[in-house]
Amino acid sequence: MSRVPLQDPETATGRTREVFDRVKAYYGMVPTLQQALAPLPETTDALWDLSLATMTEGSLSEEMKRAIFVVTAAAGECEYCTAAHMLYLFRFGWSAEECAEIADGRPSSRLDERANAALAFARVVAERPAAVTDEMTDRLRDLGWSDAEIVEIVTTVALLKYTSTVATALDVPFEKVMLPLLDGPPFRRD
């Protein structure tokens, strides 16, 4: 149950309605995260702009950014964001077990050393940014990551830390499509 009332997209008016229409044009619906943010339509709109820019600017693939999102969400204990971005990785052919690997901090069997190093770096940025060292960024460069891509990894983590903080603190409810995921890894351990 959300700690704040969710704005029903059908009854939204004014600026909130405008922002919801933008989000709906992308997703085909208005996620509960944006419904929870409805009391702050300008913040919601700015976050939407930042989200779109993060996903389209730079050279990292959407798949890599979604993997970074899963790593970041899991590190921040945000099940809502972990599930949301797992759904996107499924579109790239990932299984729940493969998503659980990266959510748990293990190297991905789908990815090469270069990509796994980026995810390990993203986890450190997500868990404790002050723990990042010169050696970590030097290793990324040695594996072929450019300075621009290192910045992109960090900004991708930062965006998800913002959204996962909102989703977790406000206890944003899961979308219906996410619910079946909760019975499997990384959410349920047998």
C-alpha atoms as a PDB file:
ATOM      1  CA  MET A   1       0.000   0.000   0.000  1.00  0.00           C
ATOM      2  CA  SER A   2       1.428   3.334  -1.019  1.00  0.00           C
ATOM      3  CA  ARG A   3       2.315   5.735   1.778  1.00  0.00           C
ATOM      4  CA  VAL A   4       0.721   8.525  -0.262  1.00  0.00           C
ATOM      5  CA  PRO A   5      -2.431   8.483  -2.361  1.00  0.00           C
ATOM      6  CA  LEU A   6      -1.881   7.568  -5.999  1.00  0.00           C
ATOM      7  CA  GLN A   7      -3.369   9.939  -8.564  1.00  0.00           C
ATOM      8  CA  ASP A   8      -5.722   8.076 -10.867  1.00  0.00           C
ATOM      9  CA  PRO A   9      -4.530   8.988 -14.367  1.00  0.00           C
ATOM     10  CA  GLU A  10      -8.135   9.112 -15.605  1.00  0.00           C
ATOM     11  CA  THR A  11      -9.058  11.886 -13.184  1.00  0.00           C
ATOM     12  CA  ALA A  12      -5.816  13.880 -13.361  1.00  0.00           C
ATOM     13  CA  THR A  13      -6.176  17.484 -14.497  1.00  0.00           C
ATOM     14  CA  GLY A  14      -4.020  20.437 -15.435  1.00  0.00           C
ATOM     15  CA  ARG A  15      -0.257  20.087 -15.410  1.00  0.00           C
ATOM     16  CA  THR A  16      -0.432  16.619 -13.839  1.00  0.00           C
ATOM     17  CA  ARG A  17      -2.590  15.447 -16.738  1.00  0.00           C
ATOM     18  CA  GLU A  18      -0.094  16.874 -19.248  1.00  0.00           C
ATOM     19  CA  VAL A  19       2.787  15.031 -17.597  1.00  0.00           C
ATOM     20  CA  PHE A  20       0.785  11.813 -17.359  1.00  0.00           C
ATOM     21  CA  ASP A  21      -0.044  12.064 -21.066  1.00  0.00           C
ATOM     22  CA  ARG A  22       3.684  12.269 -21.888  1.00  0.00           C
ATOM     23  CA  VAL A  23       4.448   9.231 -19.756  1.00  0.00           C
ATOM     24  CA  LYS A  24       1.495   7.290 -21.147  1.00  0.00           C
ATOM     25  CA  ALA A  25       2.603   8.015 -24.722  1.00  0.00           C
ATOM     26  CA  TYR A  26       5.861   6.175 -23.928  1.00  0.00           C
ATOM     27  CA  TYR A  27       4.647   3.294 -21.745  1.00  0.00           C
ATOM     28  CA  GLY A  28       1.044   2.951 -22.859  1.00  0.00           C
ATOM     29  CA  MET A  29       0.076   3.520 -19.219  1.00  0.00           C
ATOM     30  CA  VAL A  30       1.045   5.681 -16.248  1.00  0.00           C
ATOM     31  CA  PRO A  31       3.161   3.682 -13.796  1.00  0.00           C
ATOM     32  CA  THR A  32       2.378   3.872 -10.097  1.00  0.00           C
ATOM     33  CA  LEU A  33       5.717   5.642  -9.535  1.00  0.00           C
ATOM     34  CA  GLN A  34       4.503   8.649 -11.512  1.00  0.00           C
ATOM     35  CA  GLN A  35       1.077   8.402  -9.855  1.00  0.00           C
ATOM     36  CA  ALA A  36       2.790   8.729  -6.466  1.00  0.00           C
ATOM     37  CA  LEU A  37       4.774  11.748  -7.670  1.00  0.00           C
ATOM     38  CA  ALA A  38       1.629  13.514  -8.938  1.00  0.00           C
ATOM     39  CA  PRO A  39       1.571  16.182  -6.188  1.00  0.00           C
ATOM     40  CA  LEU A  40       4.764  17.534  -7.781  1.00  0.00           C
ATOM     41  CA  PRO A  41       4.015  17.718 -11.508  1.00  0.00           C
ATOM     42  CA  GLU A  42       7.067  19.841 -12.355  1.00  0.00           C
ATOM     43  CA  THR A  43       9.345  17.411 -10.510  1.00  0.00           C
ATOM     44  CA  THR A  44       7.621  14.508 -12.233  1.00  0.00           C
ATOM     45  CA  ASP A  45       8.074  16.204 -15.603  1.00  0.00           C
ATOM     46  CA  ALA A  46      11.741  17.010 -14.919  1.00  0.00           C
ATOM     47  CA  LEU A  47      12.346  13.424 -13.829  1.00  0.00           C
ATOM     48  CA  TRP A  48      10.675  12.236 -17.013  1.00  0.00           C
ATOM     49  CA  ASP A  49      12.942  14.498 -19.091  1.00  0.00           C
ATOM     50  CA  LEU A  50      15.995  13.223 -17.214  1.00  0.00           C
ATOM     51  CA  SER A  51      14.872   9.617 -17.679  1.00  0.00           C
ATOM     52  CA  LEU A  52      14.453  10.067 -21.427  1.00  0.00           C
ATOM     53  CA  ALA A  53      17.805  11.839 -21.735  1.00  0.00           C
ATOM     54  CA  THR A  54      19.549   9.140 -19.710  1.00  0.00           C
ATOM     55  CA  MET A  55      18.102   6.426 -21.919  1.00  0.00           C
ATOM     56  CA  THR A  56      18.859   8.133 -25.239  1.00  0.00           C
ATOM     57  CA  GLU A  57      22.048  10.109 -24.692  1.00  0.00           C
ATOM     58  CA  GLY A  58      25.447   8.484 -24.804  1.00  0.00           C
ATOM     59  CA  SER A  59      26.696   5.258 -26.289  1.00  0.00           C
ATOM     60  CA  LEU A  60      25.627   2.583 -23.805  1.00  0.00           C
ATOM     61  CA  SER A  61      22.940   0.305 -25.196  1.00  0.00           C
ATOM     62  CA  GLU A  62      19.484   0.244 -23.656  1.00  0.00           C
ATOM     63  CA  GLU A  63      20.159  -3.337 -22.583  1.00  0.00           C
ATOM     64  CA  MET A  64      23.284  -2.275 -20.701  1.00  0.00           C
ATOM     65  CA  LYS A  65      21.496   0.644 -19.068  1.00  0.00           C
ATOM     66  CA  ARG A  66      18.636  -1.636 -17.971  1.00  0.00           C
ATOM     67  CA  ALA A  67      21.194  -4.055 -16.507  1.00  0.00           C
ATOM     68  CA  ILE A  68      22.756  -1.141 -14.623  1.00  0.00           C
ATOM     69  CA  PHE A  69      19.274  -0.208 -13.401  1.00  0.00           C
ATOM     70  CA  VAL A  70      18.694  -3.753 -12.066  1.00  0.00           C
ATOM     71  CA  VAL A  71      22.072  -3.727 -10.290  1.00  0.00           C
ATOM     72  CA  THR A  72      21.363  -0.290  -8.803  1.00  0.00           C
ATOM     73  CA  ALA A  73      17.813  -1.128  -7.743  1.00  0.00           C
ATOM     74  CA  ALA A  74      18.913  -4.359  -6.078  1.00  0.00           C
ATOM     75  CA  ALA A  75      21.771  -2.580  -4.301  1.00  0.00           C
ATOM     76  CA  GLY A  76      19.256  -0.030  -3.006  1.00  0.00           C
ATOM     77  CA  GLU A  77      16.770  -2.738  -2.011  1.00  0.00           C
ATOM     78  CA  CYS A  78      14.072  -1.369  -4.317  1.00  0.00           C
ATOM     79  CA  GLU A  79      12.013  -4.339  -5.411  1.00  0.00           C
ATOM     80  CA  TYR A  80       9.698  -2.139  -7.495  1.00  0.00           C
ATOM     81  CA  CYS A  81      12.583  -0.855  -9.648  1.00  0.00           C
ATOM     82  CA  THR A  82      14.294  -4.244  -9.757  1.00  0.00           C
ATOM     83  CA  ALA A  83      11.111  -5.826 -11.113  1.00  0.00           C
ATOM     84  CA  ALA A  84      10.406  -2.972 -13.530  1.00  0.00           C
ATOM     85  CA  HIS A  85      13.816  -3.192 -15.151  1.00  0.00           C
ATOM     86  CA  MET A  86      13.868  -6.978 -15.148  1.00  0.00           C
ATOM     87  CA  LEU A  87      10.779  -6.757 -17.346  1.00  0.00           C
ATOM     88  CA  TYR A  88      12.787  -4.669 -19.793  1.00  0.00           C
ATOM     89  CA  LEU A  89      15.690  -7.131 -19.745  1.00  0.00           C
ATOM     90  CA  PHE A  90      13.210  -9.890 -20.619  1.00  0.00           C
ATOM     91  CA  ARG A  91      12.635  -7.999 -23.882  1.00  0.00           C
ATOM     92  CA  PHE A  92      16.320  -8.589 -24.647  1.00  0.00           C
ATOM     93  CA  GLY A  93      15.985 -12.323 -23.967  1.00  0.00           C
ATOM     94  CA  TRP A  94      17.184 -12.371 -20.365  1.00  0.00           C
ATOM     95  CA  SER A  95      15.706 -14.941 -17.980  1.00  0.00           C
ATOM     96  CA  ALA A  96      14.734 -14.282 -14.372  1.00  0.00           C
ATOM     97  CA  GLU A  97      17.741 -16.335 -13.288  1.00  0.00           C
ATOM     98  CA  GLU A  98      20.073 -14.220 -15.417  1.00  0.00           C
ATOM     99  CA  CYS A  99      18.588 -11.068 -13.911  1.00  0.00           C
ATOM    100  CA  ALA A 100      19.054 -12.562 -10.443  1.00  0.00           C
ATOM    101  CA  GLU A 101      22.770 -13.050 -11.156  1.00  0.00           C
ATOM    102  CA  ILE A 102      23.358  -9.345 -11.569  1.00  0.00           C
ATOM    103  CA  ALA A 103      20.860  -8.356  -8.869  1.00  0.00           C
ATOM    104  CA  ASP A 104      22.831 -10.555  -6.458  1.00  0.00           C
ATOM    105  CA  GLY A 105      26.145  -9.020  -7.509  1.00  0.00           C
ATOM    106  CA  ARG A 106      27.397 -11.992  -9.482  1.00  0.00           C
ATOM    107  CA  PRO A 107      28.894 -11.729 -12.968  1.00  0.00           C
ATOM    108  CA  SER A 108      26.370 -12.289 -15.722  1.00  0.00           C
ATOM    109  CA  SER A 109      26.750 -15.432 -17.787  1.00  0.00           C
ATOM    110  CA  ARG A 110      25.280 -13.409 -20.702  1.00  0.00           C
ATOM    111  CA  LEU A 111      27.909 -10.690 -20.634  1.00  0.00           C
ATOM    112  CA  ASP A 112      31.615 -10.488 -21.336  1.00  0.00           C
ATOM    113  CA  GLU A 113      34.330  -9.366 -18.917  1.00  0.00           C
ATOM    114  CA  ARG A 114      34.071  -5.755 -20.079  1.00  0.00           C
ATOM    115  CA  ALA A 115      30.316  -5.517 -19.429  1.00  0.00           C
ATOM    116  CA  ASN A 116      30.559  -7.402 -16.131  1.00  0.00           C
ATOM    117  CA  ALA A 117      33.257  -4.976 -14.967  1.00  0.00           C
ATOM    118  CA  ALA A 118      30.899  -2.088 -15.727  1.00  0.00           C
ATOM    119  CA  LEU A 119      28.141  -3.729 -13.682  1.00  0.00           C
ATOM    120  CA  ALA A 120      30.522  -4.362 -10.768  1.00  0.00           C
ATOM    121  CA  PHE A 121      31.544  -0.702 -10.936  1.00  0.00           C
ATOM    122  CA  ALA A 122      27.875   0.362 -11.060  1.00  0.00           C
ATOM    123  CA  ARG A 123      27.200  -1.680  -7.920  1.00  0.00           C
ATOM    124  CA  VAL A 124      29.947   0.169  -6.041  1.00  0.00           C
ATOM    125  CA  VAL A 125      28.580   3.523  -7.243  1.00  0.00           C
ATOM    126  CA  ALA A 126      25.098   2.464  -6.125  1.00  0.00           C
ATOM    127  CA  GLU A 127      26.154   1.139  -2.729  1.00  0.00           C
ATOM    128  CA  ARG A 128      28.767   3.678  -1.724  1.00  0.00           C
ATOM    129  CA  PRO A 129      29.949   6.259  -4.258  1.00  0.00           C
ATOM    130  CA  ALA A 130      32.819   7.335  -1.996  1.00  0.00           C
ATOM    131  CA  ALA A 131      34.247   3.805  -2.325  1.00  0.00           C
ATOM    132  CA  VAL A 132      35.015   4.338  -6.021  1.00  0.00           C
ATOM    133  CA  THR A 133      38.774   4.352  -6.589  1.00  0.00           C
ATOM    134  CA  ASP A 134      41.120   5.422  -9.362  1.00  0.00           C
ATOM    135  CA  GLU A 135      41.976   1.749  -9.803  1.00  0.00           C
ATOM    136  CA  MET A 136      38.355   0.967 -10.590  1.00  0.00           C
ATOM    137  CA  THR A 137      38.080   3.588 -13.309  1.00  0.00           C
ATOM    138  CA  ASP A 138      41.545   2.654 -14.623  1.00  0.00           C
ATOM    139  CA  ARG A 139      40.396  -0.965 -14.945  1.00  0.00           C
ATOM    140  CA  LEU A 140      37.325   0.132 -16.898  1.00  0.00           C
ATOM    141  CA  ARG A 141      39.560   2.131 -19.237  1.00  0.00           C
ATOM    142  CA  ASP A 142      41.871  -0.898 -19.615  1.00  0.00           C
ATOM    143  CA  LEU A 143      38.817  -2.910 -20.695  1.00  0.00           C
ATOM    144  CA  GLY A 144      37.927  -0.339 -23.332  1.00  0.00           C
ATOM    145  CA  TRP A 145      35.442   1.919 -21.551  1.00  0.00           C
ATOM    146  CA  SER A 146      35.858   5.586 -22.486  1.00  0.00           C
ATOM    147  CA  ASP A 147      35.708   8.424 -19.974  1.00  0.00           C
ATOM    148  CA  ALA A 148      32.360   9.445 -21.468  1.00  0.00           C
ATOM    149  CA  GLU A 149      31.025   5.918 -20.940  1.00  0.00           C
ATOM    150  CA  ILE A 150      32.264   5.888 -17.337  1.00  0.00           C
ATOM    151  CA  VAL A 151      30.356   9.139 -16.774  1.00  0.00           C
ATOM    152  CA  GLU A 152      27.341   7.552 -18.448  1.00  0.00           C
ATOM    153  CA  ILE A 153      27.500   4.546 -16.110  1.00  0.00           C
ATOM    154  CA  VAL A 154      27.595   6.871 -13.092  1.00  0.00           C
ATOM    155  CA  THR A 155      24.698   9.040 -14.307  1.00  0.00           C
ATOM    156  CA  THR A 156      22.641   5.941 -15.106  1.00  0.00           C
ATOM    157  CA  VAL A 157      23.163   4.751 -11.518  1.00  0.00           C
ATOM    158  CA  ALA A 158      22.335   8.212 -10.161  1.00  0.00           C
ATOM    159  CA  LEU A 159      19.022   8.361 -12.007  1.00  0.00           C
ATOM    160  CA  LEU A 160      17.953   4.966 -10.703  1.00  0.00           C
ATOM    161  CA  LYS A 161      19.035   5.832  -7.166  1.00  0.00           C
ATOM    162  CA  TYR A 162      16.651   8.795  -7.321  1.00  0.00           C
ATOM    163  CA  THR A 163      13.704   6.791  -8.603  1.00  0.00           C
ATOM    164  CA  SER A 164      14.358   3.835  -6.314  1.00  0.00           C
ATOM    165  CA  THR A 165      14.538   6.159  -3.313  1.00  0.00           C
ATOM    166  CA  VAL A 166      11.116   7.565  -4.200  1.00  0.00           C
ATOM    167  CA  ALA A 167       9.600   4.145  -4.921  1.00  0.00           C
ATOM    168  CA  THR A 168      10.937   2.558  -1.736  1.00  0.00           C
ATOM    169  CA  ALA A 169      10.288   5.417   0.686  1.00  0.00           C
ATOM    170  CA  LEU A 170       6.739   5.906  -0.592  1.00  0.00           C
ATOM    171  CA  ASP A 171       6.134   2.140  -0.828  1.00  0.00           C
ATOM    172  CA  VAL A 172       4.917   2.473  -4.403  1.00  0.00           C
ATOM    173  CA  PRO A 173       2.814  -0.591  -5.264  1.00  0.00           C
ATOM    174  CA  PHE A 174       3.898  -2.974  -7.971  1.00  0.00           C
ATOM    175  CA  GLU A 175       2.339  -2.861 -11.394  1.00  0.00           C
ATOM    176  CA  LYS A 176       0.152  -5.926 -12.032  1.00  0.00           C
ATOM    177  CA  VAL A 177       2.577  -7.149 -14.686  1.00  0.00           C
ATOM    178  CA  MET A 178       5.349  -7.262 -12.045  1.00  0.00           C
ATOM    179  CA  LEU A 179       3.504  -9.446  -9.544  1.00  0.00           C
ATOM    180  CA  PRO A 180       4.408 -12.850 -11.054  1.00  0.00           C
ATOM    181  CA  LEU A 181       8.097 -11.943 -10.739  1.00  0.00           C
ATOM    182  CA  LEU A 182       7.841 -11.831  -6.947  1.00  0.00           C
ATOM    183  CA  ASP A 183       7.575 -15.626  -6.791  1.00  0.00           C
ATOM    184  CA  GLY A 184      11.001 -16.143  -8.372  1.00  0.00           C
ATOM    185  CA  PRO A 185      14.582 -14.969  -8.137  1.00  0.00           C
ATOM    186  CA  PRO A 186      15.867 -12.548  -7.031  1.00  0.00           C
ATOM    187  CA  PHE A 187      12.813 -11.865  -4.851  1.00  0.00           C
ATOM    188  CA  ARG A 188      12.152 -15.332  -3.507  1.00  0.00           C
ATOM    189  CA  ARG A 189      14.845 -17.659  -2.320  1.00  0.00           C
ATOM    190  CA  ASP A 190      14.119 -21.330  -1.724  1.00  0.00           C
END
